[in-house]
Amino acid sequence: MVVRSVMLLVFVLASVAGYSQQQDSIQAKAVSVPTTKKKTSRPDIPGSIVVELGLNFKNGVVPPDFQKGFWGSRTLNIYYQYQIRILKSRFSFTPGIGLSLERWKFTNNYTLTNSPVPDGVYAGTYALVPANSLYPGVTINRSQLINNYIEMPLELRYDTAPEDIARSINLAFGARFGILYDSFTKIDFSEGGEDKSIKNKQNHGMNTLRYGLYGRIGVGGFGIFSYVNMSPMFQDNKGPIQTSMNSVTIGISVNGF
């Protein structure tokens, strides 16, 4: 799934880069007077690739059975961003697009499943239950919830040295808007001496749209960031005990200029 997601991002970035280069070529042909190219510390490419690795933390009213692991609950973000300097100031506006690959590891080996009503028809809500109750007779090794988003970050950035951002101290604050394109639970278990996995692909009551605020501080291409989801993880009355929990992600970022 990660490979497919990265391939999707590469396709999007290639299309954007190709369009940018085509526009640059058209503009260059329209100029009849030759110009001297100014040397800068940045490679002459449109935009940059930002990679973030962060740890996920629960926030808000959390169901008691939503017990997550520390390192196993993490997010990998891969964004293409294009920095637009505001006049000749130290501020810039930076839109982007990319993928946010989020996972939660349950330390109690619980998993999400549909909650039935008394007549046996599913009520459209989801509960956290022991994975052994769904797959009896096996040894549960790991249980995870994976959510993957197409996401658009929009940020206002400040650089102490905008002419040389590779060595500049930078501060950024912005918002991110995401669309859930893939969601599933994954259970790793042992049976008959063999290691096996089961994936259950459905949205499990997750919000299709999400949005939040984030901030980042760094030097050159390295920084630390924090992201707070403002939207609930689950749809109204769809999650375990009708939860309205959300999440916070804290981690490191690398910007490839």
C-alpha atoms as a PDB file:
ATOM      1  CA  MET A   1       0.000   0.000   0.000  1.00  0.00           C
ATOM      2  CA  VAL A   2       2.834   2.389   0.813  1.00  0.00           C
ATOM      3  CA  VAL A   3       4.432   1.642  -2.574  1.00  0.00           C
ATOM      4  CA  ARG A   4       1.159   2.335  -4.387  1.00  0.00           C
ATOM      5  CA  SER A   5       0.700   5.542  -2.436  1.00  0.00           C
ATOM      6  CA  VAL A   6       4.218   6.753  -3.255  1.00  0.00           C
ATOM      7  CA  MET A   7       3.707   5.869  -6.934  1.00  0.00           C
ATOM      8  CA  LEU A   8       0.537   7.987  -6.926  1.00  0.00           C
ATOM      9  CA  LEU A   9       2.457  10.904  -5.432  1.00  0.00           C
ATOM     10  CA  VAL A  10       5.299  10.540  -7.958  1.00  0.00           C
ATOM     11  CA  PHE A  11       2.763  10.699 -10.796  1.00  0.00           C
ATOM     12  CA  VAL A  12       1.231  13.887  -9.370  1.00  0.00           C
ATOM     13  CA  LEU A  13       4.621  15.511  -8.814  1.00  0.00           C
ATOM     14  CA  ALA A  14       5.834  14.584 -12.283  1.00  0.00           C
ATOM     15  CA  SER A  15       2.767  16.202 -13.800  1.00  0.00           C
ATOM     16  CA  VAL A  16       3.258  19.391 -11.768  1.00  0.00           C
ATOM     17  CA  ALA A  17       6.968  19.571 -12.509  1.00  0.00           C
ATOM     18  CA  GLY A  18       6.375  18.962 -16.212  1.00  0.00           C
ATOM     19  CA  TYR A  19       3.822  21.745 -16.357  1.00  0.00           C
ATOM     20  CA  SER A  20       6.149  24.141 -14.516  1.00  0.00           C
ATOM     21  CA  GLN A  21       9.036  23.388 -16.859  1.00  0.00           C
ATOM     22  CA  GLN A  22       6.784  23.853 -19.880  1.00  0.00           C
ATOM     23  CA  GLN A  23       5.691  27.267 -18.593  1.00  0.00           C
ATOM     24  CA  ASP A  24       9.313  28.253 -17.971  1.00  0.00           C
ATOM     25  CA  SER A  25      10.224  27.227 -21.514  1.00  0.00           C
ATOM     26  CA  ILE A  26       7.386  29.289 -22.996  1.00  0.00           C
ATOM     27  CA  GLN A  27       8.382  32.342 -20.973  1.00  0.00           C
ATOM     28  CA  ALA A  28      12.039  31.962 -21.961  1.00  0.00           C
ATOM     29  CA  LYS A  29      11.157  31.903 -25.681  1.00  0.00           C
ATOM     30  CA  ALA A  30       9.086  35.046 -25.285  1.00  0.00           C
ATOM     31  CA  VAL A  31      12.109  37.018 -24.032  1.00  0.00           C
ATOM     32  CA  SER A  32      14.264  38.263 -26.900  1.00  0.00           C
ATOM     33  CA  VAL A  33      16.967  39.889 -24.795  1.00  0.00           C
ATOM     34  CA  PRO A  34      19.422  37.378 -23.294  1.00  0.00           C
ATOM     35  CA  THR A  35      19.772  37.555 -19.538  1.00  0.00           C
ATOM     36  CA  THR A  36      22.446  36.424 -17.124  1.00  0.00           C
ATOM     37  CA  LYS A  37      21.258  33.724 -14.796  1.00  0.00           C
ATOM     38  CA  LYS A  38      21.774  34.654 -11.157  1.00  0.00           C
ATOM     39  CA  LYS A  39      23.502  31.995  -9.100  1.00  0.00           C
ATOM     40  CA  THR A  40      21.720  30.934  -5.946  1.00  0.00           C
ATOM     41  CA  SER A  41      22.263  28.271  -3.354  1.00  0.00           C
ATOM     42  CA  ARG A  42      19.143  26.385  -4.469  1.00  0.00           C
ATOM     43  CA  PRO A  43      19.002  23.943  -7.373  1.00  0.00           C
ATOM     44  CA  ASP A  44      16.971  25.261 -10.292  1.00  0.00           C
ATOM     45  CA  ILE A  45      13.906  23.064  -9.789  1.00  0.00           C
ATOM     46  CA  PRO A  46      10.272  24.033  -9.278  1.00  0.00           C
ATOM     47  CA  GLY A  47       9.329  23.666  -5.628  1.00  0.00           C
ATOM     48  CA  SER A  48      10.615  21.084  -3.180  1.00  0.00           C
ATOM     49  CA  ILE A  49       9.788  17.744  -1.589  1.00  0.00           C
ATOM     50  CA  VAL A  50       9.053  17.666   2.142  1.00  0.00           C
ATOM     51  CA  VAL A  51       9.161  14.401   4.111  1.00  0.00           C
ATOM     52  CA  GLU A  52       7.830  14.267   7.672  1.00  0.00           C
ATOM     53  CA  LEU A  53       7.902  11.442  10.203  1.00  0.00           C
ATOM     54  CA  GLY A  54       5.831  11.901  13.339  1.00  0.00           C
ATOM     55  CA  LEU A  55       4.323  10.090  16.305  1.00  0.00           C
ATOM     56  CA  ASN A  56       0.550  10.103  16.815  1.00  0.00           C
ATOM     57  CA  PHE A  57      -1.089  10.948  20.120  1.00  0.00           C
ATOM     58  CA  LYS A  58      -4.729  10.645  21.171  1.00  0.00           C
ATOM     59  CA  ASN A  59      -6.651  13.808  21.920  1.00  0.00           C
ATOM     60  CA  GLY A  60     -10.118  14.665  23.186  1.00  0.00           C
ATOM     61  CA  VAL A  61     -12.624  12.133  24.521  1.00  0.00           C
ATOM     62  CA  VAL A  62     -10.916   8.797  23.809  1.00  0.00           C
ATOM     63  CA  PRO A  63     -12.624   5.364  24.186  1.00  0.00           C
ATOM     64  CA  PRO A  64     -11.007   3.397  27.040  1.00  0.00           C
ATOM     65  CA  ASP A  65     -10.178   0.479  24.699  1.00  0.00           C
ATOM     66  CA  PHE A  66      -8.315   2.743  22.227  1.00  0.00           C
ATOM     67  CA  GLN A  67      -4.913   1.848  23.698  1.00  0.00           C
ATOM     68  CA  LYS A  68      -2.220   2.767  21.214  1.00  0.00           C
ATOM     69  CA  GLY A  69       1.473   1.934  21.007  1.00  0.00           C
ATOM     70  CA  PHE A  70       4.116   4.663  21.098  1.00  0.00           C
ATOM     71  CA  TRP A  71       6.356   3.966  18.088  1.00  0.00           C
ATOM     72  CA  GLY A  72       3.798   1.829  16.266  1.00  0.00           C
ATOM     73  CA  SER A  73       1.371   4.762  16.047  1.00  0.00           C
ATOM     74  CA  ARG A  74       3.044   7.061  13.547  1.00  0.00           C
ATOM     75  CA  THR A  75       2.536   9.144  10.425  1.00  0.00           C
ATOM     76  CA  LEU A  76       4.617   9.523   7.254  1.00  0.00           C
ATOM     77  CA  ASN A  77       3.907  12.652   5.203  1.00  0.00           C
ATOM     78  CA  ILE A  78       5.293  13.276   1.699  1.00  0.00           C
ATOM     79  CA  TYR A  79       4.453  16.673   0.198  1.00  0.00           C
ATOM     80  CA  TYR A  80       5.350  18.671  -2.883  1.00  0.00           C
ATOM     81  CA  GLN A  81       5.470  22.368  -1.941  1.00  0.00           C
ATOM     82  CA  TYR A  82       6.032  25.547  -3.934  1.00  0.00           C
ATOM     83  CA  GLN A  83       7.315  28.579  -2.052  1.00  0.00           C
ATOM     84  CA  ILE A  84       6.023  31.963  -3.241  1.00  0.00           C
ATOM     85  CA  ARG A  85       7.909  34.884  -1.741  1.00  0.00           C
ATOM     86  CA  ILE A  86       5.741  37.869  -0.767  1.00  0.00           C
ATOM     87  CA  LEU A  87       7.327  40.849  -2.521  1.00  0.00           C
ATOM     88  CA  LYS A  88      10.897  41.121  -1.196  1.00  0.00           C
ATOM     89  CA  SER A  89       9.993  40.437   2.420  1.00  0.00           C
ATOM     90  CA  ARG A  90      11.060  37.586   4.640  1.00  0.00           C
ATOM     91  CA  PHE A  91       7.600  36.057   4.392  1.00  0.00           C
ATOM     92  CA  SER A  92       6.366  33.591   1.820  1.00  0.00           C
ATOM     93  CA  PHE A  93       3.191  31.667   1.039  1.00  0.00           C
ATOM     94  CA  THR A  94       3.720  27.960   0.430  1.00  0.00           C
ATOM     95  CA  PRO A  95       0.942  25.759  -0.976  1.00  0.00           C
ATOM     96  CA  GLY A  96       1.444  22.055  -1.526  1.00  0.00           C
ATOM     97  CA  ILE A  97      -0.075  18.646  -2.149  1.00  0.00           C
ATOM     98  CA  GLY A  98       0.875  15.143  -1.101  1.00  0.00           C
ATOM     99  CA  LEU A  99       0.141  12.043   0.932  1.00  0.00           C
ATOM    100  CA  SER A 100      -0.335  11.507   4.670  1.00  0.00           C
ATOM    101  CA  LEU A 101       0.055   7.838   5.657  1.00  0.00           C
ATOM    102  CA  GLU A 102      -1.226   7.319   9.194  1.00  0.00           C
ATOM    103  CA  ARG A 103      -1.267   4.202  11.348  1.00  0.00           C
ATOM    104  CA  TRP A 104      -2.342   3.292  14.865  1.00  0.00           C
ATOM    105  CA  LYS A 105      -1.094   0.219  16.695  1.00  0.00           C
ATOM    106  CA  PHE A 106      -3.322  -1.221  19.424  1.00  0.00           C
ATOM    107  CA  THR A 107      -1.313  -2.550  22.366  1.00  0.00           C
ATOM    108  CA  ASN A 108      -4.307  -4.503  23.689  1.00  0.00           C
ATOM    109  CA  ASN A 109      -4.815  -6.253  20.308  1.00  0.00           C
ATOM    110  CA  TYR A 110      -8.286  -4.787  19.855  1.00  0.00           C
ATOM    111  CA  THR A 111      -9.727  -3.998  16.434  1.00  0.00           C
ATOM    112  CA  LEU A 112     -12.683  -2.164  14.899  1.00  0.00           C
ATOM    113  CA  THR A 113     -15.803  -3.994  13.772  1.00  0.00           C
ATOM    114  CA  ASN A 114     -19.431  -3.227  12.920  1.00  0.00           C
ATOM    115  CA  SER A 115     -21.768  -3.073  15.917  1.00  0.00           C
ATOM    116  CA  PRO A 116     -24.860  -5.256  15.362  1.00  0.00           C
ATOM    117  CA  VAL A 117     -28.307  -4.357  16.626  1.00  0.00           C
ATOM    118  CA  PRO A 118     -30.533  -7.014  18.265  1.00  0.00           C
ATOM    119  CA  ASP A 119     -32.158  -8.162  15.004  1.00  0.00           C
ATOM    120  CA  GLY A 120     -28.754  -8.920  13.502  1.00  0.00           C
ATOM    121  CA  VAL A 121     -28.676  -5.980  11.095  1.00  0.00           C
ATOM    122  CA  TYR A 122     -25.576  -3.775  11.373  1.00  0.00           C
ATOM    123  CA  ALA A 123     -26.313  -0.425  12.916  1.00  0.00           C
ATOM    124  CA  GLY A 124     -23.646   1.475  10.958  1.00  0.00           C
ATOM    125  CA  THR A 125     -21.551   2.154  14.052  1.00  0.00           C
ATOM    126  CA  TYR A 126     -18.197   0.647  14.952  1.00  0.00           C
ATOM    127  CA  ALA A 127     -16.871  -0.789  18.203  1.00  0.00           C
ATOM    128  CA  LEU A 128     -13.473  -1.780  19.532  1.00  0.00           C
ATOM    129  CA  VAL A 129     -13.427  -5.497  20.353  1.00  0.00           C
ATOM    130  CA  PRO A 130     -10.674  -8.059  21.053  1.00  0.00           C
ATOM    131  CA  ALA A 131      -9.363  -9.394  17.749  1.00  0.00           C
ATOM    132  CA  ASN A 132      -9.587 -12.925  19.219  1.00  0.00           C
ATOM    133  CA  SER A 133     -13.368 -12.543  19.382  1.00  0.00           C
ATOM    134  CA  LEU A 134     -13.445 -12.208  15.583  1.00  0.00           C
ATOM    135  CA  TYR A 135     -10.724 -14.761  14.846  1.00  0.00           C
ATOM    136  CA  PRO A 136     -10.843 -17.393  17.615  1.00  0.00           C
ATOM    137  CA  GLY A 137      -8.252 -20.118  17.911  1.00  0.00           C
ATOM    138  CA  VAL A 138      -5.302 -18.038  16.654  1.00  0.00           C
ATOM    139  CA  THR A 139      -2.525 -16.099  18.422  1.00  0.00           C
ATOM    140  CA  ILE A 140      -2.835 -12.378  17.770  1.00  0.00           C
ATOM    141  CA  ASN A 141       0.584 -10.749  17.271  1.00  0.00           C
ATOM    142  CA  ARG A 142      -0.374  -7.223  16.232  1.00  0.00           C
ATOM    143  CA  SER A 143      -3.464  -5.161  15.446  1.00  0.00           C
ATOM    144  CA  GLN A 144      -3.392  -1.882  13.517  1.00  0.00           C
ATOM    145  CA  LEU A 145      -5.668   0.758  12.018  1.00  0.00           C
ATOM    146  CA  ILE A 146      -4.303   2.423   8.852  1.00  0.00           C
ATOM    147  CA  ASN A 147      -5.699   5.614   7.289  1.00  0.00           C
ATOM    148  CA  ASN A 148      -4.181   7.174   4.158  1.00  0.00           C
ATOM    149  CA  TYR A 149      -5.027  10.685   2.961  1.00  0.00           C
ATOM    150  CA  ILE A 150      -4.439  12.916  -0.027  1.00  0.00           C
ATOM    151  CA  GLU A 151      -3.589  16.165   1.706  1.00  0.00           C
ATOM    152  CA  MET A 152      -3.065  19.836   0.864  1.00  0.00           C
ATOM    153  CA  PRO A 153      -0.886  21.924   3.213  1.00  0.00           C
ATOM    154  CA  LEU A 154      -1.091  25.727   3.037  1.00  0.00           C
ATOM    155  CA  GLU A 155       1.421  27.661   5.100  1.00  0.00           C
ATOM    156  CA  LEU A 156       2.782  31.127   5.822  1.00  0.00           C
ATOM    157  CA  ARG A 157       6.559  30.917   6.265  1.00  0.00           C
ATOM    158  CA  TYR A 158       9.154  33.305   7.704  1.00  0.00           C
ATOM    159  CA  ASP A 159      12.865  33.015   6.827  1.00  0.00           C
ATOM    160  CA  THR A 160      15.629  34.944   8.553  1.00  0.00           C
ATOM    161  CA  ALA A 161      17.663  34.763   5.310  1.00  0.00           C
ATOM    162  CA  PRO A 162      15.244  34.440   2.378  1.00  0.00           C
ATOM    163  CA  GLU A 163      18.083  34.830  -0.151  1.00  0.00           C
ATOM    164  CA  ASP A 164      19.735  31.704   1.244  1.00  0.00           C
ATOM    165  CA  ILE A 165      16.985  29.554   2.693  1.00  0.00           C
ATOM    166  CA  ALA A 166      19.265  26.497   2.816  1.00  0.00           C
ATOM    167  CA  ARG A 167      20.957  28.170   5.817  1.00  0.00           C
ATOM    168  CA  SER A 168      18.014  30.188   7.078  1.00  0.00           C
ATOM    169  CA  ILE A 169      16.168  29.759  10.361  1.00  0.00           C
ATOM    170  CA  ASN A 170      12.525  29.359   9.413  1.00  0.00           C
ATOM    171  CA  LEU A 171       9.164  29.440  11.120  1.00  0.00           C
ATOM    172  CA  ALA A 172       5.939  28.234   9.518  1.00  0.00           C
ATOM    173  CA  PHE A 173       2.292  28.132  10.484  1.00  0.00           C
ATOM    174  CA  GLY A 174      -0.546  26.828   8.383  1.00  0.00           C
ATOM    175  CA  ALA A 175      -3.480  24.527   7.774  1.00  0.00           C
ATOM    176  CA  ARG A 176      -3.867  21.127   6.164  1.00  0.00           C
ATOM    177  CA  PHE A 177      -6.893  19.695   4.402  1.00  0.00           C
ATOM    178  CA  GLY A 178      -7.136  15.986   3.657  1.00  0.00           C
ATOM    179  CA  ILE A 179      -9.355  13.459   1.872  1.00  0.00           C
ATOM    180  CA  LEU A 180      -9.365   9.848   3.044  1.00  0.00           C
ATOM    181  CA  TYR A 181      -8.675   7.584   0.047  1.00  0.00           C
ATOM    182  CA  ASP A 182      -7.807   4.318   1.788  1.00  0.00           C
ATOM    183  CA  SER A 183      -8.610   2.840   5.204  1.00  0.00           C
ATOM    184  CA  PHE A 184      -8.297  -0.650   6.663  1.00  0.00           C
ATOM    185  CA  THR A 185      -7.552  -2.667   9.763  1.00  0.00           C
ATOM    186  CA  LYS A 186      -4.691  -5.151   9.719  1.00  0.00           C
ATOM    187  CA  ILE A 187      -4.296  -8.083  12.094  1.00  0.00           C
ATOM    188  CA  ASP A 188      -1.104 -10.156  12.195  1.00  0.00           C
ATOM    189  CA  PHE A 189      -1.505 -13.571  13.808  1.00  0.00           C
ATOM    190  CA  SER A 190       0.027 -17.023  14.101  1.00  0.00           C
ATOM    191  CA  GLU A 191      -1.836 -20.207  13.206  1.00  0.00           C
ATOM    192  CA  GLY A 192      -0.456 -23.711  12.873  1.00  0.00           C
ATOM    193  CA  GLY A 193       3.110 -22.449  13.151  1.00  0.00           C
ATOM    194  CA  GLU A 194       2.649 -19.944  10.302  1.00  0.00           C
ATOM    195  CA  ASP A 195       2.528 -16.135  10.435  1.00  0.00           C
ATOM    196  CA  LYS A 196      -0.479 -14.671   8.610  1.00  0.00           C
ATOM    197  CA  SER A 197      -2.243 -11.327   8.120  1.00  0.00           C
ATOM    198  CA  ILE A 198      -5.826 -10.250   7.553  1.00  0.00           C
ATOM    199  CA  LYS A 199      -6.812  -6.850   6.122  1.00  0.00           C
ATOM    200  CA  ASN A 200     -10.347  -5.500   6.366  1.00  0.00           C
ATOM    201  CA  LYS A 201     -10.714  -2.644   3.873  1.00  0.00           C
ATOM    202  CA  GLN A 202     -13.539  -0.243   4.695  1.00  0.00           C
ATOM    203  CA  ASN A 203     -13.755   3.218   6.195  1.00  0.00           C
ATOM    204  CA  HIS A 204     -14.771   1.958   9.677  1.00  0.00           C
ATOM    205  CA  GLY A 205     -16.782   5.115  10.288  1.00  0.00           C
ATOM    206  CA  MET A 206     -13.813   7.420   9.646  1.00  0.00           C
ATOM    207  CA  ASN A 207     -14.360  10.997   8.551  1.00  0.00           C
ATOM    208  CA  THR A 208     -13.772  11.257   4.818  1.00  0.00           C
ATOM    209  CA  LEU A 209     -12.564  14.851   5.184  1.00  0.00           C
ATOM    210  CA  ARG A 210     -10.158  16.140   7.816  1.00  0.00           C
ATOM    211  CA  TYR A 211      -8.529  19.470   8.564  1.00  0.00           C
ATOM    212  CA  GLY A 212      -6.142  20.843  11.135  1.00  0.00           C
ATOM    213  CA  LEU A 213      -3.477  23.380  12.061  1.00  0.00           C
ATOM    214  CA  TYR A 214       0.276  22.895  12.214  1.00  0.00           C
ATOM    215  CA  GLY A 215       3.468  24.736  13.049  1.00  0.00           C
ATOM    216  CA  ARG A 216       7.118  24.101  12.284  1.00  0.00           C
ATOM    217  CA  ILE A 217      10.510  25.523  13.263  1.00  0.00           C
ATOM    218  CA  GLY A 218      13.744  24.599  11.572  1.00  0.00           C
ATOM    219  CA  VAL A 219      17.141  25.478  10.167  1.00  0.00           C
ATOM    220  CA  GLY A 220      17.636  25.012   6.451  1.00  0.00           C
ATOM    221  CA  GLY A 221      15.951  21.810   5.376  1.00  0.00           C
ATOM    222  CA  PHE A 222      15.591  20.269   8.846  1.00  0.00           C
ATOM    223  CA  GLY A 223      12.916  21.022  11.416  1.00  0.00           C
ATOM    224  CA  ILE A 224      10.417  19.821  13.969  1.00  0.00           C
ATOM    225  CA  PHE A 225       6.664  20.111  13.524  1.00  0.00           C
ATOM    226  CA  SER A 226       3.392  19.671  15.386  1.00  0.00           C
ATOM    227  CA  TYR A 227       0.017  19.026  13.777  1.00  0.00           C
ATOM    228  CA  VAL A 228      -3.360  19.168  15.549  1.00  0.00           C
ATOM    229  CA  ASN A 229      -6.398  17.616  13.865  1.00  0.00           C
ATOM    230  CA  MET A 230      -9.371  19.915  14.384  1.00  0.00           C
ATOM    231  CA  SER A 231     -11.881  17.475  12.886  1.00  0.00           C
ATOM    232  CA  PRO A 232     -13.012  14.318  14.748  1.00  0.00           C
ATOM    233  CA  MET A 233     -11.395  11.092  13.578  1.00  0.00           C
ATOM    234  CA  PHE A 234     -14.779   9.339  13.297  1.00  0.00           C
ATOM    235  CA  GLN A 235     -18.030  10.540  11.769  1.00  0.00           C
ATOM    236  CA  ASP A 236     -20.762  11.672  14.156  1.00  0.00           C
ATOM    237  CA  ASN A 237     -22.104   8.715  16.173  1.00  0.00           C
ATOM    238  CA  LYS A 238     -20.087   6.229  14.089  1.00  0.00           C
ATOM    239  CA  GLY A 239     -17.069   5.539  16.275  1.00  0.00           C
ATOM    240  CA  PRO A 240     -16.648   3.491  19.456  1.00  0.00           C
ATOM    241  CA  ILE A 241     -18.959   4.820  22.213  1.00  0.00           C
ATOM    242  CA  GLN A 242     -19.814   7.630  19.755  1.00  0.00           C
ATOM    243  CA  THR A 243     -16.403   9.184  20.326  1.00  0.00           C
ATOM    244  CA  SER A 244     -15.418  12.631  19.064  1.00  0.00           C
ATOM    245  CA  MET A 245     -11.678  12.039  19.578  1.00  0.00           C
ATOM    246  CA  ASN A 246      -9.055  13.569  17.323  1.00  0.00           C
ATOM    247  CA  SER A 247      -5.259  13.411  17.271  1.00  0.00           C
ATOM    248  CA  VAL A 248      -1.990  15.306  17.584  1.00  0.00           C
ATOM    249  CA  THR A 249       1.176  14.452  15.609  1.00  0.00           C
ATOM    250  CA  ILE A 250       4.696  15.587  16.585  1.00  0.00           C
ATOM    251  CA  GLY A 251       7.825  14.796  14.601  1.00  0.00           C
ATOM    252  CA  ILE A 252      10.702  15.827  12.374  1.00  0.00           C
ATOM    253  CA  SER A 253      10.704  17.146   8.811  1.00  0.00           C
ATOM    254  CA  VAL A 254      13.248  17.200   5.979  1.00  0.00           C
ATOM    255  CA  ASN A 255      12.918  19.624   3.074  1.00  0.00           C
ATOM    256  CA  GLY A 256      14.765  18.656  -0.101  1.00  0.00           C
ATOM    257  CA  PHE A 257      15.342  21.998  -1.825  1.00  0.00           C
END
